[in-house]
């Protein structure tokens, strides 16, 4: 994965990847951002409904690459298109979701209330820019940051865990736990936003290197059924998942607790979730 910092790096990254006619995949919120793209698709919707993926596929035509600008829904939409077309994806995340790191994606069947998954996307590059996160509302800031924290926590004890992913997970957890309260208290403070985005980057790398666990499984099932934001559900689902897994992963969860500065890992996650307004499913 090629990672760059600063939106001004996008042109050079596209050139490095040999992409000359990229399609921008985004929502209406970001259509005014000036980017070196040939075409724009602004039909991204939350939870990636199947019909929005079909519309994005229809917009590809002469494109030779995809630029995904937005949160997890924009990036997952682009990845779903990439899985069908094999086009490379360059992601520009505006949240802390970590979707930019993996070739897998979720697509929601709105009629059945089920969120399914897919894989095989050609994820080629990421451009991080903290400036794009400065206007992220409190709910999305807290929710997607807790999603990133769940990536770090679960990477430490899932079946695919490994030394490199552990290192990324611990670095991400420390940065997120430190930066999230600062960002929620002062959303326009650029230093806190950069630290939180860097933490999410490390957590995303841990996710890509190790995989997901119970907390995410619950969040995906509930999100598909009720259409609740994925970050909000991770904020609520991670603490009980940690407590459920502690009898068989006590040492690993203790390492996560050390990284976030607490002997009670699940309690620390609940504390951070409450700061963002998340405490119970109802």
C-alpha atoms as a PDB file:
ATOM      1  CA  UNK A   1       0.000   0.000   0.000  1.00  0.00           C
ATOM      2  CA  UNK A   2       1.330   3.452  -0.933  1.00  0.00           C
ATOM      3  CA  UNK A   3       0.556   6.064   1.740  1.00  0.00           C
ATOM      4  CA  UNK A   4       0.942   9.815   1.312  1.00  0.00           C
ATOM      5  CA  UNK A   5       0.085  12.755   3.570  1.00  0.00           C
ATOM      6  CA  UNK A   6      -1.400  15.949   2.122  1.00  0.00           C
ATOM      7  CA  UNK A   7      -3.993  16.361  -0.617  1.00  0.00           C
ATOM      8  CA  UNK A   8      -1.354  17.949  -2.844  1.00  0.00           C
ATOM      9  CA  UNK A   9       0.272  14.505  -3.075  1.00  0.00           C
ATOM     10  CA  UNK A  10      -2.678  13.005  -4.978  1.00  0.00           C
ATOM     11  CA  UNK A  11      -1.534  14.071  -8.466  1.00  0.00           C
ATOM     12  CA  UNK A  12       1.872  12.474  -8.025  1.00  0.00           C
ATOM     13  CA  UNK A  13       0.381   9.308  -6.552  1.00  0.00           C
ATOM     14  CA  UNK A  14      -2.021   8.905  -9.470  1.00  0.00           C
ATOM     15  CA  UNK A  15       0.894   9.371 -11.869  1.00  0.00           C
ATOM     16  CA  UNK A  16       2.948   6.801  -9.934  1.00  0.00           C
ATOM     17  CA  UNK A  17       0.094   4.302 -10.283  1.00  0.00           C
ATOM     18  CA  UNK A  18      -0.399   5.063 -13.980  1.00  0.00           C
ATOM     19  CA  UNK A  19      -3.930   6.410 -13.481  1.00  0.00           C
ATOM     20  CA  UNK A  20      -4.817   9.102 -16.031  1.00  0.00           C
ATOM     21  CA  UNK A  21      -8.644   9.154 -16.073  1.00  0.00           C
ATOM     22  CA  UNK A  22      -9.876   8.504 -12.527  1.00  0.00           C
ATOM     23  CA  UNK A  23     -13.532   8.472 -11.503  1.00  0.00           C
ATOM     24  CA  UNK A  24     -14.217  10.247  -8.217  1.00  0.00           C
ATOM     25  CA  UNK A  25     -16.551   8.248  -5.955  1.00  0.00           C
ATOM     26  CA  UNK A  26     -18.017  10.450  -3.240  1.00  0.00           C
ATOM     27  CA  UNK A  27     -21.153  11.944  -1.693  1.00  0.00           C
ATOM     28  CA  UNK A  28     -22.711  15.324  -2.379  1.00  0.00           C
ATOM     29  CA  UNK A  29     -20.936  16.739   0.670  1.00  0.00           C
ATOM     30  CA  UNK A  30     -17.552  16.561  -1.053  1.00  0.00           C
ATOM     31  CA  UNK A  31     -18.403  17.390  -4.680  1.00  0.00           C
ATOM     32  CA  UNK A  32     -16.864  20.871  -4.485  1.00  0.00           C
ATOM     33  CA  UNK A  33     -13.373  19.647  -3.511  1.00  0.00           C
ATOM     34  CA  UNK A  34     -10.937  20.331  -6.356  1.00  0.00           C
ATOM     35  CA  UNK A  35      -9.244  17.098  -7.384  1.00  0.00           C
ATOM     36  CA  UNK A  36      -7.451  15.903 -10.540  1.00  0.00           C
ATOM     37  CA  UNK A  37     -10.241  13.556 -11.704  1.00  0.00           C
ATOM     38  CA  UNK A  38     -11.854  13.020 -15.109  1.00  0.00           C
ATOM     39  CA  UNK A  39     -15.402  12.289 -13.887  1.00  0.00           C
ATOM     40  CA  UNK A  40     -17.409  12.490 -10.666  1.00  0.00           C
ATOM     41  CA  UNK A  41     -19.947  10.121  -9.139  1.00  0.00           C
ATOM     42  CA  UNK A  42     -21.655  11.717  -6.114  1.00  0.00           C
ATOM     43  CA  UNK A  43     -24.266   9.053  -5.354  1.00  0.00           C
ATOM     44  CA  UNK A  44     -22.627   7.433  -2.324  1.00  0.00           C
ATOM     45  CA  UNK A  45     -25.122   6.603   0.424  1.00  0.00           C
ATOM     46  CA  UNK A  46     -24.694   5.325   4.012  1.00  0.00           C
ATOM     47  CA  UNK A  47     -24.166   1.560   4.412  1.00  0.00           C
ATOM     48  CA  UNK A  48     -23.516   1.167   0.654  1.00  0.00           C
ATOM     49  CA  UNK A  49     -26.931   0.079  -0.686  1.00  0.00           C
ATOM     50  CA  UNK A  50     -26.661  -2.298  -3.643  1.00  0.00           C
ATOM     51  CA  UNK A  51     -28.362   0.140  -6.036  1.00  0.00           C
ATOM     52  CA  UNK A  52     -25.780   2.843  -5.308  1.00  0.00           C
ATOM     53  CA  UNK A  53     -23.003   0.399  -6.217  1.00  0.00           C
ATOM     54  CA  UNK A  54     -24.813  -0.375  -9.479  1.00  0.00           C
ATOM     55  CA  UNK A  55     -25.047   3.345 -10.241  1.00  0.00           C
ATOM     56  CA  UNK A  56     -21.332   3.802  -9.571  1.00  0.00           C
ATOM     57  CA  UNK A  57     -20.538   0.881 -11.857  1.00  0.00           C
ATOM     58  CA  UNK A  58     -22.572   2.515 -14.612  1.00  0.00           C
ATOM     59  CA  UNK A  59     -20.536   5.718 -14.198  1.00  0.00           C
ATOM     60  CA  UNK A  60     -17.135   4.022 -14.645  1.00  0.00           C
ATOM     61  CA  UNK A  61     -17.095   3.778 -18.475  1.00  0.00           C
ATOM     62  CA  UNK A  62     -13.732   5.139 -19.686  1.00  0.00           C
ATOM     63  CA  UNK A  63     -12.164   5.511 -16.230  1.00  0.00           C
ATOM     64  CA  UNK A  64      -8.849   3.764 -15.569  1.00  0.00           C
ATOM     65  CA  UNK A  65      -8.920   4.179 -11.791  1.00  0.00           C
ATOM     66  CA  UNK A  66     -11.057   5.186  -8.825  1.00  0.00           C
ATOM     67  CA  UNK A  67     -10.559   7.954  -6.266  1.00  0.00           C
ATOM     68  CA  UNK A  68     -12.728   7.457  -3.177  1.00  0.00           C
ATOM     69  CA  UNK A  69     -13.266  10.631  -1.139  1.00  0.00           C
ATOM     70  CA  UNK A  70     -15.244  10.326   2.089  1.00  0.00           C
ATOM     71  CA  UNK A  71     -15.834   7.889   4.914  1.00  0.00           C
ATOM     72  CA  UNK A  72     -16.286   4.140   4.933  1.00  0.00           C
ATOM     73  CA  UNK A  73     -19.353   4.226   2.680  1.00  0.00           C
ATOM     74  CA  UNK A  74     -17.547   6.100  -0.103  1.00  0.00           C
ATOM     75  CA  UNK A  75     -14.508   3.854   0.143  1.00  0.00           C
ATOM     76  CA  UNK A  76     -16.579   0.659   0.273  1.00  0.00           C
ATOM     77  CA  UNK A  77     -18.572   1.803  -2.769  1.00  0.00           C
ATOM     78  CA  UNK A  78     -15.351   2.326  -4.704  1.00  0.00           C
ATOM     79  CA  UNK A  79     -14.020  -1.047  -3.526  1.00  0.00           C
ATOM     80  CA  UNK A  80     -17.207  -2.792  -4.649  1.00  0.00           C
ATOM     81  CA  UNK A  81     -16.763  -1.223  -8.092  1.00  0.00           C
ATOM     82  CA  UNK A  82     -13.093  -2.199  -8.117  1.00  0.00           C
ATOM     83  CA  UNK A  83     -13.959  -5.820  -7.342  1.00  0.00           C
ATOM     84  CA  UNK A  84     -16.091  -5.891 -10.496  1.00  0.00           C
ATOM     85  CA  UNK A  85     -13.741  -3.928 -12.761  1.00  0.00           C
ATOM     86  CA  UNK A  86     -10.277  -4.598 -11.223  1.00  0.00           C
ATOM     87  CA  UNK A  87      -9.605  -0.838 -11.339  1.00  0.00           C
ATOM     88  CA  UNK A  88      -7.145   0.481  -8.716  1.00  0.00           C
ATOM     89  CA  UNK A  89      -8.566   2.494  -5.810  1.00  0.00           C
ATOM     90  CA  UNK A  90      -6.899   5.510  -4.219  1.00  0.00           C
ATOM     91  CA  UNK A  91      -8.719   6.423  -1.001  1.00  0.00           C
ATOM     92  CA  UNK A  92      -8.875   9.856   0.623  1.00  0.00           C
ATOM     93  CA  UNK A  93     -10.483   9.195   4.025  1.00  0.00           C
ATOM     94  CA  UNK A  94     -12.448  11.991   5.709  1.00  0.00           C
ATOM     95  CA  UNK A  95     -13.238   9.885   8.796  1.00  0.00           C
ATOM     96  CA  UNK A  96     -11.293   7.413  10.939  1.00  0.00           C
ATOM     97  CA  UNK A  97     -13.025   4.253   9.673  1.00  0.00           C
ATOM     98  CA  UNK A  98      -9.948   2.456   8.283  1.00  0.00           C
ATOM     99  CA  UNK A  99     -11.833   1.125   5.238  1.00  0.00           C
ATOM    100  CA  UNK A 100      -8.993   2.321   3.017  1.00  0.00           C
ATOM    101  CA  UNK A 101      -6.714  -0.513   4.141  1.00  0.00           C
ATOM    102  CA  UNK A 102      -8.591  -3.643   3.106  1.00  0.00           C
ATOM    103  CA  UNK A 103      -9.818  -5.221  -0.156  1.00  0.00           C
ATOM    104  CA  UNK A 104     -13.059  -6.268   1.558  1.00  0.00           C
ATOM    105  CA  UNK A 105     -16.251  -4.235   1.677  1.00  0.00           C
ATOM    106  CA  UNK A 106     -19.852  -4.311   2.860  1.00  0.00           C
ATOM    107  CA  UNK A 107     -22.991  -3.817   0.758  1.00  0.00           C
ATOM    108  CA  UNK A 108     -26.444  -3.505   2.307  1.00  0.00           C
ATOM    109  CA  UNK A 109     -29.586  -5.179   1.001  1.00  0.00           C
ATOM    110  CA  UNK A 110     -32.114  -2.574   2.143  1.00  0.00           C
ATOM    111  CA  UNK A 111     -35.170  -4.734   1.452  1.00  0.00           C
ATOM    112  CA  UNK A 112     -33.948  -7.654   3.562  1.00  0.00           C
ATOM    113  CA  UNK A 113     -32.186  -5.534   6.183  1.00  0.00           C
ATOM    114  CA  UNK A 114     -28.968  -7.502   5.763  1.00  0.00           C
ATOM    115  CA  UNK A 115     -25.433  -6.295   5.176  1.00  0.00           C
ATOM    116  CA  UNK A 116     -23.347  -8.706   3.158  1.00  0.00           C
ATOM    117  CA  UNK A 117     -19.695  -8.622   2.253  1.00  0.00           C
ATOM    118  CA  UNK A 118     -17.351  -8.994  -0.656  1.00  0.00           C
ATOM    119  CA  UNK A 119     -13.675  -8.882  -1.450  1.00  0.00           C
ATOM    120  CA  UNK A 120     -11.125  -8.619  -4.211  1.00  0.00           C
ATOM    121  CA  UNK A 121     -10.858  -4.837  -4.495  1.00  0.00           C
ATOM    122  CA  UNK A 122      -7.609  -3.461  -5.897  1.00  0.00           C
ATOM    123  CA  UNK A 123      -6.623  -1.071  -3.090  1.00  0.00           C
ATOM    124  CA  UNK A 124      -3.543   0.756  -4.328  1.00  0.00           C
ATOM    125  CA  UNK A 125      -3.010   3.958  -2.372  1.00  0.00           C
ATOM    126  CA  UNK A 126      -4.117   6.261   0.428  1.00  0.00           C
ATOM    127  CA  UNK A 127      -3.858  10.024   0.829  1.00  0.00           C
ATOM    128  CA  UNK A 128      -4.397  11.338   4.366  1.00  0.00           C
ATOM    129  CA  UNK A 129      -5.136  15.014   5.002  1.00  0.00           C
ATOM    130  CA  UNK A 130      -6.205  16.124   8.509  1.00  0.00           C
ATOM    131  CA  UNK A 131      -7.731  19.307   7.051  1.00  0.00           C
ATOM    132  CA  UNK A 132     -10.545  17.195   5.600  1.00  0.00           C
ATOM    133  CA  UNK A 133     -11.530  16.008   9.087  1.00  0.00           C
ATOM    134  CA  UNK A 134     -11.829  19.422  10.761  1.00  0.00           C
ATOM    135  CA  UNK A 135     -15.559  19.743  10.018  1.00  0.00           C
ATOM    136  CA  UNK A 136     -16.428  16.139  10.897  1.00  0.00           C
ATOM    137  CA  UNK A 137     -19.340  16.273  13.383  1.00  0.00           C
ATOM    138  CA  UNK A 138     -18.908  14.998  16.928  1.00  0.00           C
ATOM    139  CA  UNK A 139     -20.998  11.852  16.409  1.00  0.00           C
ATOM    140  CA  UNK A 140     -19.040  10.777  13.320  1.00  0.00           C
ATOM    141  CA  UNK A 141     -15.732  11.769  14.902  1.00  0.00           C
ATOM    142  CA  UNK A 142     -16.361   9.673  17.992  1.00  0.00           C
ATOM    143  CA  UNK A 143     -18.024   6.785  16.206  1.00  0.00           C
ATOM    144  CA  UNK A 144     -15.410   6.283  13.497  1.00  0.00           C
ATOM    145  CA  UNK A 145     -12.580   6.772  16.013  1.00  0.00           C
ATOM    146  CA  UNK A 146     -14.092   4.013  18.178  1.00  0.00           C
ATOM    147  CA  UNK A 147     -14.332   1.878  15.037  1.00  0.00           C
ATOM    148  CA  UNK A 148     -10.594   2.435  14.567  1.00  0.00           C
ATOM    149  CA  UNK A 149      -9.960   1.593  18.216  1.00  0.00           C
ATOM    150  CA  UNK A 150     -11.861  -1.664  17.693  1.00  0.00           C
ATOM    151  CA  UNK A 151      -9.506  -2.481  14.803  1.00  0.00           C
ATOM    152  CA  UNK A 152      -6.581  -2.161  17.209  1.00  0.00           C
ATOM    153  CA  UNK A 153      -8.215  -4.140  20.003  1.00  0.00           C
ATOM    154  CA  UNK A 154      -9.355  -7.078  17.885  1.00  0.00           C
ATOM    155  CA  UNK A 155      -6.141  -7.320  15.858  1.00  0.00           C
ATOM    156  CA  UNK A 156      -4.346  -8.309  19.072  1.00  0.00           C
ATOM    157  CA  UNK A 157      -6.324 -11.523  19.653  1.00  0.00           C
ATOM    158  CA  UNK A 158      -7.888 -12.694  16.382  1.00  0.00           C
ATOM    159  CA  UNK A 159      -6.668 -15.854  14.687  1.00  0.00           C
ATOM    160  CA  UNK A 160      -4.617 -13.921  12.112  1.00  0.00           C
ATOM    161  CA  UNK A 161      -2.638 -11.894  14.653  1.00  0.00           C
ATOM    162  CA  UNK A 162       1.073 -11.396  14.049  1.00  0.00           C
ATOM    163  CA  UNK A 163       3.975  -9.343  15.364  1.00  0.00           C
ATOM    164  CA  UNK A 164       3.765  -6.574  12.772  1.00  0.00           C
ATOM    165  CA  UNK A 165       0.000  -6.155  13.157  1.00  0.00           C
ATOM    166  CA  UNK A 166       0.418  -6.136  16.956  1.00  0.00           C
ATOM    167  CA  UNK A 167       2.886  -3.262  16.646  1.00  0.00           C
ATOM    168  CA  UNK A 168       0.485  -1.269  14.474  1.00  0.00           C
ATOM    169  CA  UNK A 169      -2.443  -2.061  16.788  1.00  0.00           C
ATOM    170  CA  UNK A 170      -0.686  -0.864  19.934  1.00  0.00           C
ATOM    171  CA  UNK A 171       0.573   2.319  18.258  1.00  0.00           C
ATOM    172  CA  UNK A 172      -2.920   3.057  16.970  1.00  0.00           C
ATOM    173  CA  UNK A 173      -4.629   2.384  20.293  1.00  0.00           C
ATOM    174  CA  UNK A 174      -2.299   4.713  22.186  1.00  0.00           C
ATOM    175  CA  UNK A 175      -2.759   7.574  19.727  1.00  0.00           C
ATOM    176  CA  UNK A 176      -6.535   7.202  19.517  1.00  0.00           C
ATOM    177  CA  UNK A 177      -7.089   6.993  23.277  1.00  0.00           C
ATOM    178  CA  UNK A 178      -4.960  10.101  23.798  1.00  0.00           C
ATOM    179  CA  UNK A 179      -6.250  12.177  20.871  1.00  0.00           C
ATOM    180  CA  UNK A 180      -9.991  11.469  20.872  1.00  0.00           C
ATOM    181  CA  UNK A 181     -10.809  13.377  24.095  1.00  0.00           C
ATOM    182  CA  UNK A 182      -8.708  16.314  22.839  1.00  0.00           C
ATOM    183  CA  UNK A 183     -10.466  16.361  19.477  1.00  0.00           C
ATOM    184  CA  UNK A 184     -13.937  16.157  21.007  1.00  0.00           C
ATOM    185  CA  UNK A 185     -13.043  19.068  23.300  1.00  0.00           C
ATOM    186  CA  UNK A 186     -11.467  21.166  20.525  1.00  0.00           C
ATOM    187  CA  UNK A 187     -12.631  19.890  17.111  1.00  0.00           C
ATOM    188  CA  UNK A 188     -10.806  22.576  15.111  1.00  0.00           C
ATOM    189  CA  UNK A 189      -7.405  21.928  16.697  1.00  0.00           C
ATOM    190  CA  UNK A 190      -5.301  20.612  13.832  1.00  0.00           C
ATOM    191  CA  UNK A 191      -2.726  18.801  15.990  1.00  0.00           C
ATOM    192  CA  UNK A 192      -5.313  16.632  17.703  1.00  0.00           C
ATOM    193  CA  UNK A 193      -6.968  15.827  14.395  1.00  0.00           C
ATOM    194  CA  UNK A 194      -3.652  14.757  12.896  1.00  0.00           C
ATOM    195  CA  UNK A 195      -2.846  12.543  15.889  1.00  0.00           C
ATOM    196  CA  UNK A 196      -6.272  10.912  15.690  1.00  0.00           C
ATOM    197  CA  UNK A 197      -5.924  10.330  11.944  1.00  0.00           C
ATOM    198  CA  UNK A 198      -2.449   8.875  12.434  1.00  0.00           C
ATOM    199  CA  UNK A 199      -3.847   6.555  15.091  1.00  0.00           C
ATOM    200  CA  UNK A 200      -6.581   5.448  12.705  1.00  0.00           C
ATOM    201  CA  UNK A 201      -3.925   4.833  10.049  1.00  0.00           C
ATOM    202  CA  UNK A 202      -2.008   2.479  12.351  1.00  0.00           C
ATOM    203  CA  UNK A 203      -5.269   0.781  13.390  1.00  0.00           C
ATOM    204  CA  UNK A 204      -6.182   0.312   9.727  1.00  0.00           C
ATOM    205  CA  UNK A 205      -2.817  -1.296   9.048  1.00  0.00           C
ATOM    206  CA  UNK A 206      -3.456  -3.645  11.993  1.00  0.00           C
ATOM    207  CA  UNK A 207      -6.868  -4.488  10.551  1.00  0.00           C
ATOM    208  CA  UNK A 208      -5.324  -5.264   7.168  1.00  0.00           C
ATOM    209  CA  UNK A 209      -2.611  -7.394   8.755  1.00  0.00           C
ATOM    210  CA  UNK A 210      -4.688  -9.418  11.219  1.00  0.00           C
ATOM    211  CA  UNK A 211      -8.440  -9.227  10.641  1.00  0.00           C
ATOM    212  CA  UNK A 212     -11.609  -8.627  12.656  1.00  0.00           C
ATOM    213  CA  UNK A 213     -13.405 -10.235  15.578  1.00  0.00           C
ATOM    214  CA  UNK A 214     -16.650 -10.434  17.510  1.00  0.00           C
ATOM    215  CA  UNK A 215     -17.205  -6.721  18.093  1.00  0.00           C
ATOM    216  CA  UNK A 216     -17.201  -6.001  14.374  1.00  0.00           C
ATOM    217  CA  UNK A 217     -19.354  -9.037  13.650  1.00  0.00           C
ATOM    218  CA  UNK A 218     -22.038  -7.723  15.984  1.00  0.00           C
ATOM    219  CA  UNK A 219     -21.746  -4.202  14.578  1.00  0.00           C
ATOM    220  CA  UNK A 220     -22.144  -5.456  10.999  1.00  0.00           C
ATOM    221  CA  UNK A 221     -25.182  -7.584  11.847  1.00  0.00           C
ATOM    222  CA  UNK A 222     -26.930  -4.780  13.723  1.00  0.00           C
ATOM    223  CA  UNK A 223     -26.009  -2.190  11.110  1.00  0.00           C
ATOM    224  CA  UNK A 224     -27.449  -4.307   8.328  1.00  0.00           C
ATOM    225  CA  UNK A 225     -30.654  -4.898  10.264  1.00  0.00           C
ATOM    226  CA  UNK A 226     -31.315  -1.368  11.523  1.00  0.00           C
ATOM    227  CA  UNK A 227     -29.230   0.964   9.334  1.00  0.00           C
ATOM    228  CA  UNK A 228     -27.363   2.379  12.348  1.00  0.00           C
ATOM    229  CA  UNK A 229     -23.935   3.966  11.640  1.00  0.00           C
ATOM    230  CA  UNK A 230     -21.125   1.424  11.832  1.00  0.00           C
ATOM    231  CA  UNK A 231     -18.972   3.605  14.078  1.00  0.00           C
ATOM    232  CA  UNK A 232     -21.744   4.065  16.626  1.00  0.00           C
ATOM    233  CA  UNK A 233     -22.286   0.330  16.768  1.00  0.00           C
ATOM    234  CA  UNK A 234     -18.581  -0.396  17.254  1.00  0.00           C
ATOM    235  CA  UNK A 235     -18.546   2.078  20.138  1.00  0.00           C
ATOM    236  CA  UNK A 236     -21.319   0.119  21.846  1.00  0.00           C
ATOM    237  CA  UNK A 237     -20.352  -3.430  20.789  1.00  0.00           C
ATOM    238  CA  UNK A 238     -16.613  -3.424  21.549  1.00  0.00           C
ATOM    239  CA  UNK A 239     -16.801  -3.375  25.383  1.00  0.00           C
ATOM    240  CA  UNK A 240     -19.054  -6.467  25.703  1.00  0.00           C
ATOM    241  CA  UNK A 241     -16.972  -8.232  23.046  1.00  0.00           C
ATOM    242  CA  UNK A 242     -13.828  -7.557  25.069  1.00  0.00           C
ATOM    243  CA  UNK A 243     -15.463  -8.864  28.240  1.00  0.00           C
ATOM    244  CA  UNK A 244     -16.783 -11.952  26.464  1.00  0.00           C
ATOM    245  CA  UNK A 245     -13.348 -12.762  25.002  1.00  0.00           C
ATOM    246  CA  UNK A 246     -11.329 -11.990  28.131  1.00  0.00           C
ATOM    247  CA  UNK A 247     -11.403 -15.542  29.541  1.00  0.00           C
ATOM    248  CA  UNK A 248      -9.541 -16.796  26.456  1.00  0.00           C
ATOM    249  CA  UNK A 249      -7.535 -13.672  25.548  1.00  0.00           C
ATOM    250  CA  UNK A 250      -6.733 -12.056  28.890  1.00  0.00           C
ATOM    251  CA  UNK A 251      -3.073 -11.313  28.129  1.00  0.00           C
ATOM    252  CA  UNK A 252      -3.825  -9.771  24.743  1.00  0.00           C
ATOM    253  CA  UNK A 253      -6.651  -7.615  26.090  1.00  0.00           C
ATOM    254  CA  UNK A 254      -4.375  -6.517  28.947  1.00  0.00           C
ATOM    255  CA  UNK A 255      -1.837  -5.332  26.346  1.00  0.00           C
ATOM    256  CA  UNK A 256      -4.604  -3.306  24.723  1.00  0.00           C
ATOM    257  CA  UNK A 257      -5.506  -1.905  28.142  1.00  0.00           C
ATOM    258  CA  UNK A 258      -1.892  -0.858  28.709  1.00  0.00           C
ATOM    259  CA  UNK A 259      -1.908   0.903  25.323  1.00  0.00           C
ATOM    260  CA  UNK A 260      -5.022   2.928  26.173  1.00  0.00           C
ATOM    261  CA  UNK A 261      -3.816   3.632  29.710  1.00  0.00           C
ATOM    262  CA  UNK A 262      -6.168   1.507  31.806  1.00  0.00           C
ATOM    263  CA  UNK A 263      -6.212  -1.825  33.622  1.00  0.00           C
ATOM    264  CA  UNK A 264      -9.884  -2.061  32.623  1.00  0.00           C
ATOM    265  CA  UNK A 265      -9.773  -2.116  28.822  1.00  0.00           C
ATOM    266  CA  UNK A 266     -13.524  -2.472  28.299  1.00  0.00           C
ATOM    267  CA  UNK A 267     -14.233   0.249  30.849  1.00  0.00           C
ATOM    268  CA  UNK A 268     -11.827   2.615  29.081  1.00  0.00           C
ATOM    269  CA  UNK A 269     -13.590   2.026  25.765  1.00  0.00           C
ATOM    270  CA  UNK A 270     -16.931   2.759  27.438  1.00  0.00           C
ATOM    271  CA  UNK A 271     -15.489   5.976  28.854  1.00  0.00           C
ATOM    272  CA  UNK A 272     -14.338   7.118  25.399  1.00  0.00           C
ATOM    273  CA  UNK A 273     -17.662   6.094  23.862  1.00  0.00           C
ATOM    274  CA  UNK A 274     -19.604   8.130  26.421  1.00  0.00           C
ATOM    275  CA  UNK A 275     -17.587  11.223  25.487  1.00  0.00           C
ATOM    276  CA  UNK A 276     -18.998  10.863  21.970  1.00  0.00           C
ATOM    277  CA  UNK A 277     -22.525  10.231  23.256  1.00  0.00           C
ATOM    278  CA  UNK A 278     -22.668   6.436  22.880  1.00  0.00           C
ATOM    279  CA  UNK A 279     -23.596   4.243  25.828  1.00  0.00           C
ATOM    280  CA  UNK A 280     -26.503   1.893  24.991  1.00  0.00           C
ATOM    281  CA  UNK A 281     -27.963   0.390  21.822  1.00  0.00           C
ATOM    282  CA  UNK A 282     -31.328   2.027  22.460  1.00  0.00           C
END
